[in-house]
Amino acid sequence: MTTKFLKHLVLAFSLMVLSFMVSSPSFGQGSSGRFSDTHNIYMRMGFNKGNYVLGFNTDLNYIYKNKYSAQIGYSGFFKHAESEPSDYSIGLLELFTFGVTRAYDQVHNWNLMVGRVLPLNDSETLRLHIRGGAAYSRRLIPTNWSDENTFGLAENYVYDYDKNIRAAFVINVELEWAYLSFTGNSVDGVFMVHDDQVYFGLGLSGSLGLLRSR
């Protein structure tokens, strides 16, 4: 189900970007108009933190005439499980993995958002993005904890994961500094409602691609 959904999501996004490009007056004009004057396509990747332990994101972005935007991407949020035993430990592994391999209440999201771009200076290197949309969200909740003697070397509990698949609502506000035409950095805030859970936080991201006109 996840693979099929992702294929449809990527196809829909690609068709949307293609339709914008073909319908644009600058499409096919050659030297009379640069592609980047109308279309910007780039990748973004970053980390965020909020009412969860850690989150990260990676996404593909499209901007039309520096006014309208579309974004397709993945984000993940990780927090300590409410059912986690008080004496749970991952043992010596934590020294080498920094806690990444421990049991987390996880939410994995595949997002599709659209929004508005607001340039904040004349050179249009500083931009405010306001986006909203939906996500296919998959939550993994540790359950059925059973203690196990690992002599402090590894996790002292084994457990299962309950899976919860839902649609989620996402809002993202991003302040972006595209200091070069092909790269930039941004600070953004994320707000997501998944079933009875609310996730919010702040993040730092880096971008690479065709961010703006030269």
Protein backbone atom coordinates (compact mmCIF):
# COMPACT_ATOMS: atom_id res chain seq x y z
CA MET A 1 0.00 0.00 0.00
CA THR A 2 2.80 2.39 0.86
CA THR A 3 4.70 1.77 -2.37
CA LYS A 4 1.58 2.23 -4.50
CA PHE A 5 0.68 5.42 -2.67
CA LEU A 6 4.18 6.85 -3.14
CA LYS A 7 4.12 6.08 -6.86
CA HIS A 8 0.81 7.90 -7.26
CA LEU A 9 2.07 10.84 -5.17
CA VAL A 10 5.27 11.22 -7.19
CA LEU A 11 3.34 10.90 -10.47
CA ALA A 12 0.81 13.56 -9.43
CA PHE A 13 3.57 15.95 -8.39
CA SER A 14 5.53 15.37 -11.61
CA LEU A 15 2.46 15.98 -13.77
CA MET A 16 1.66 19.15 -11.83
CA VAL A 17 5.19 20.52 -12.30
CA LEU A 18 5.18 19.56 -15.99
CA SER A 19 1.84 21.27 -16.60
CA PHE A 20 3.13 24.47 -14.98
CA MET A 21 6.27 24.38 -17.11
CA VAL A 22 4.51 23.73 -20.42
CA SER A 23 1.84 26.37 -19.83
CA SER A 24 4.46 28.98 -18.88
CA PRO A 25 5.16 31.71 -21.48
CA SER A 26 8.92 31.21 -20.94
CA PHE A 27 8.81 27.52 -21.86
CA GLY A 28 10.79 26.92 -25.04
CA GLN A 29 11.82 30.55 -25.52
CA GLY A 30 15.50 29.71 -25.52
CA SER A 31 17.76 32.72 -25.10
CA SER A 32 14.84 35.16 -24.77
CA GLY A 33 14.01 33.87 -21.32
CA ARG A 34 15.85 31.80 -18.71
CA PHE A 35 14.14 28.72 -17.30
CA SER A 36 15.03 29.86 -13.78
CA ASP A 37 13.17 33.14 -14.27
CA THR A 38 9.92 31.19 -14.05
CA HIS A 39 10.69 27.77 -12.58
CA ASN A 40 12.76 26.72 -9.56
CA ILE A 41 13.27 23.07 -8.61
CA TYR A 42 15.46 21.95 -5.71
CA MET A 43 15.98 19.41 -2.94
CA ARG A 44 15.90 20.26 0.76
CA MET A 45 17.09 18.23 3.73
CA GLY A 46 17.15 19.04 7.44
CA PHE A 47 16.60 18.20 11.08
CA ASN A 48 14.05 19.49 13.56
CA LYS A 49 13.13 19.23 17.22
CA GLY A 50 10.01 19.99 19.20
CA ASN A 51 7.60 18.04 21.42
CA TYR A 52 9.48 14.94 20.27
CA VAL A 53 13.09 13.74 20.63
CA LEU A 54 14.19 14.27 17.03
CA GLY A 55 12.78 14.74 13.54
CA PHE A 56 14.17 14.95 10.04
CA ASN A 57 12.90 15.74 6.57
CA THR A 58 13.82 15.55 2.92
CA ASP A 59 11.72 16.95 0.11
CA LEU A 60 11.51 18.07 -3.51
CA ASN A 61 10.34 21.65 -4.07
CA TYR A 62 8.93 23.47 -7.07
CA ILE A 63 8.36 27.26 -7.26
CA TYR A 64 6.47 28.99 -10.05
CA LYS A 65 7.31 32.65 -10.79
CA ASN A 66 8.61 33.05 -7.23
CA LYS A 67 4.99 33.19 -6.06
CA TYR A 68 3.51 29.72 -5.80
CA SER A 69 5.06 26.52 -4.52
CA ALA A 70 4.51 22.79 -4.33
CA GLN A 71 6.39 20.30 -2.20
CA ILE A 72 6.51 16.52 -2.01
CA GLY A 73 8.61 14.86 0.64
CA TYR A 74 9.21 12.64 3.63
CA SER A 75 9.38 13.57 7.30
CA GLY A 76 9.85 11.50 10.43
CA PHE A 77 9.27 12.24 14.12
CA PHE A 78 10.61 10.15 17.01
CA LYS A 79 9.69 10.35 20.69
CA HIS A 80 9.87 8.16 23.78
CA ALA A 81 7.02 5.71 24.01
CA GLU A 82 4.50 6.26 26.81
CA SER A 83 4.55 2.52 27.51
CA GLU A 84 8.35 2.37 27.85
CA PRO A 85 9.41 0.52 31.08
CA SER A 86 11.22 2.72 33.60
CA ASP A 87 14.28 0.43 33.60
CA TYR A 88 14.53 0.14 29.80
CA SER A 89 18.10 0.53 28.47
CA ILE A 90 19.93 -0.19 25.23
CA GLY A 91 23.14 -0.94 27.13
CA LEU A 92 26.62 -0.34 25.77
CA LEU A 93 25.24 0.12 22.26
CA GLU A 94 24.25 3.64 23.27
CA LEU A 95 27.94 4.60 23.41
CA PHE A 96 28.26 3.92 19.68
CA THR A 97 24.78 4.78 18.33
CA PHE A 98 23.97 7.83 20.51
CA GLY A 99 20.56 6.35 21.29
CA VAL A 100 19.43 6.16 17.66
CA THR A 101 18.75 2.41 17.87
CA ARG A 102 16.52 2.59 20.96
CA ALA A 103 12.78 1.95 20.88
CA TYR A 104 10.83 5.03 19.77
CA ASP A 105 7.25 5.93 19.11
CA GLN A 106 7.75 6.73 15.41
CA VAL A 107 5.72 8.63 12.84
CA HIS A 108 6.73 8.41 9.16
CA ASN A 109 5.01 10.84 6.80
CA TRP A 110 4.85 11.26 3.04
CA ASN A 111 3.68 14.82 2.47
CA LEU A 112 2.17 16.76 -0.40
CA MET A 113 1.84 20.50 0.22
CA VAL A 114 1.16 23.66 -1.78
CA GLY A 115 1.67 27.24 -0.73
CA ARG A 116 2.66 30.83 -1.29
CA VAL A 117 6.13 32.36 -1.60
CA LEU A 118 6.68 35.89 -0.23
CA PRO A 119 10.00 37.58 -1.24
CA LEU A 120 11.33 39.71 1.62
CA ASN A 121 13.98 41.75 -0.24
CA ASP A 122 14.54 43.20 -3.71
CA SER A 123 17.10 40.58 -4.71
CA GLU A 124 14.63 37.83 -3.69
CA THR A 125 17.33 35.94 -1.82
CA LEU A 126 15.26 36.06 1.37
CA ARG A 127 11.86 34.37 1.10
CA LEU A 128 9.02 33.31 3.34
CA HIS A 129 7.22 30.08 2.43
CA ILE A 130 3.76 29.30 3.80
CA ARG A 131 2.57 25.79 2.96
CA GLY A 132 -0.25 23.47 3.89
CA GLY A 133 -1.36 20.03 2.83
CA ALA A 134 -1.93 16.41 3.68
CA ALA A 135 0.26 13.45 4.54
CA TYR A 136 0.06 9.70 4.38
CA SER A 137 1.20 8.96 7.92
CA ARG A 138 2.39 5.66 9.41
CA ARG A 139 2.86 5.44 13.17
CA LEU A 140 4.83 2.66 14.89
CA ILE A 141 4.16 2.25 18.63
CA PRO A 142 6.30 -0.10 20.78
CA THR A 143 4.17 -2.59 22.71
CA ASN A 144 4.26 -6.04 24.36
CA TRP A 145 7.46 -5.30 26.29
CA SER A 146 9.23 -8.36 27.67
CA ASP A 147 12.40 -8.11 29.76
CA GLU A 148 15.52 -9.93 28.64
CA ASN A 149 18.94 -10.38 30.27
CA THR A 150 21.59 -9.04 27.89
CA PHE A 151 24.23 -8.35 30.57
CA GLY A 152 24.13 -4.62 29.80
CA LEU A 153 25.44 -5.11 26.27
CA ALA A 154 22.21 -4.55 24.32
CA GLU A 155 18.55 -3.71 24.87
CA ASN A 156 17.19 -5.30 28.02
CA TYR A 157 13.68 -5.60 26.55
CA VAL A 158 12.18 -7.11 23.44
CA TYR A 159 8.98 -5.63 22.03
CA ASP A 160 6.62 -5.50 19.08
CA TYR A 161 5.33 -2.56 17.07
CA ASP A 162 1.68 -1.69 16.60
CA LYS A 163 1.07 -0.01 13.24
CA ASN A 164 -1.37 2.84 12.80
CA ILE A 165 -1.93 4.31 9.32
CA ARG A 166 -3.80 7.59 9.03
CA ALA A 167 -4.11 10.72 6.93
CA ALA A 168 -2.53 13.74 8.61
CA PHE A 169 -2.82 17.51 8.24
CA VAL A 170 0.43 19.48 7.91
CA ILE A 171 1.36 23.19 8.04
CA ASN A 172 4.87 24.43 7.37
CA VAL A 173 6.25 27.99 7.59
CA GLU A 174 9.82 28.45 6.34
CA LEU A 175 12.20 31.42 6.28
CA GLU A 176 14.70 30.73 3.50
CA TRP A 177 17.96 32.44 2.61
CA ALA A 178 18.96 31.52 -0.95
CA TYR A 179 22.34 33.25 -0.80
CA LEU A 180 23.44 31.54 -4.03
CA SER A 181 21.30 30.55 -6.98
CA PHE A 182 22.02 26.86 -6.39
CA THR A 183 22.13 26.57 -2.60
CA GLY A 184 20.72 28.06 0.60
CA ASN A 185 19.65 27.47 4.18
CA SER A 186 16.41 27.88 6.04
CA VAL A 187 14.70 27.87 9.43
CA ASP A 188 11.21 26.44 9.52
CA GLY A 189 8.38 25.58 11.85
CA VAL A 190 6.25 22.47 11.40
CA PHE A 191 2.82 21.61 12.79
CA MET A 192 1.16 18.25 12.15
CA VAL A 193 -2.02 16.61 13.43
CA HIS A 194 -2.04 12.81 13.23
CA ASP A 195 -5.11 11.13 14.72
CA ASP A 196 -5.04 12.15 18.41
CA GLN A 197 -1.38 13.25 18.30
CA VAL A 198 -0.07 16.77 17.62
CA TYR A 199 3.55 17.34 16.58
CA PHE A 200 5.21 20.75 16.39
CA GLY A 201 8.80 21.93 16.27
CA LEU A 202 11.52 24.07 14.71
CA GLY A 203 14.12 22.93 12.21
CA LEU A 204 17.24 23.82 10.20
CA SER A 205 17.58 22.78 6.56
CA GLY A 206 19.92 23.03 3.62
CA SER A 207 18.86 23.25 -0.04
CA LEU A 208 20.56 22.32 -3.30
CA GLY A 209 19.34 22.80 -6.87
CA LEU A 210 17.82 25.61 -8.89
CA LEU A 211 16.66 27.86 -6.05
CA ARG A 212 16.28 31.16 -7.89
CA SER A 213 17.18 33.13 -10.97
CA ARG A 214 20.87 33.98 -11.26
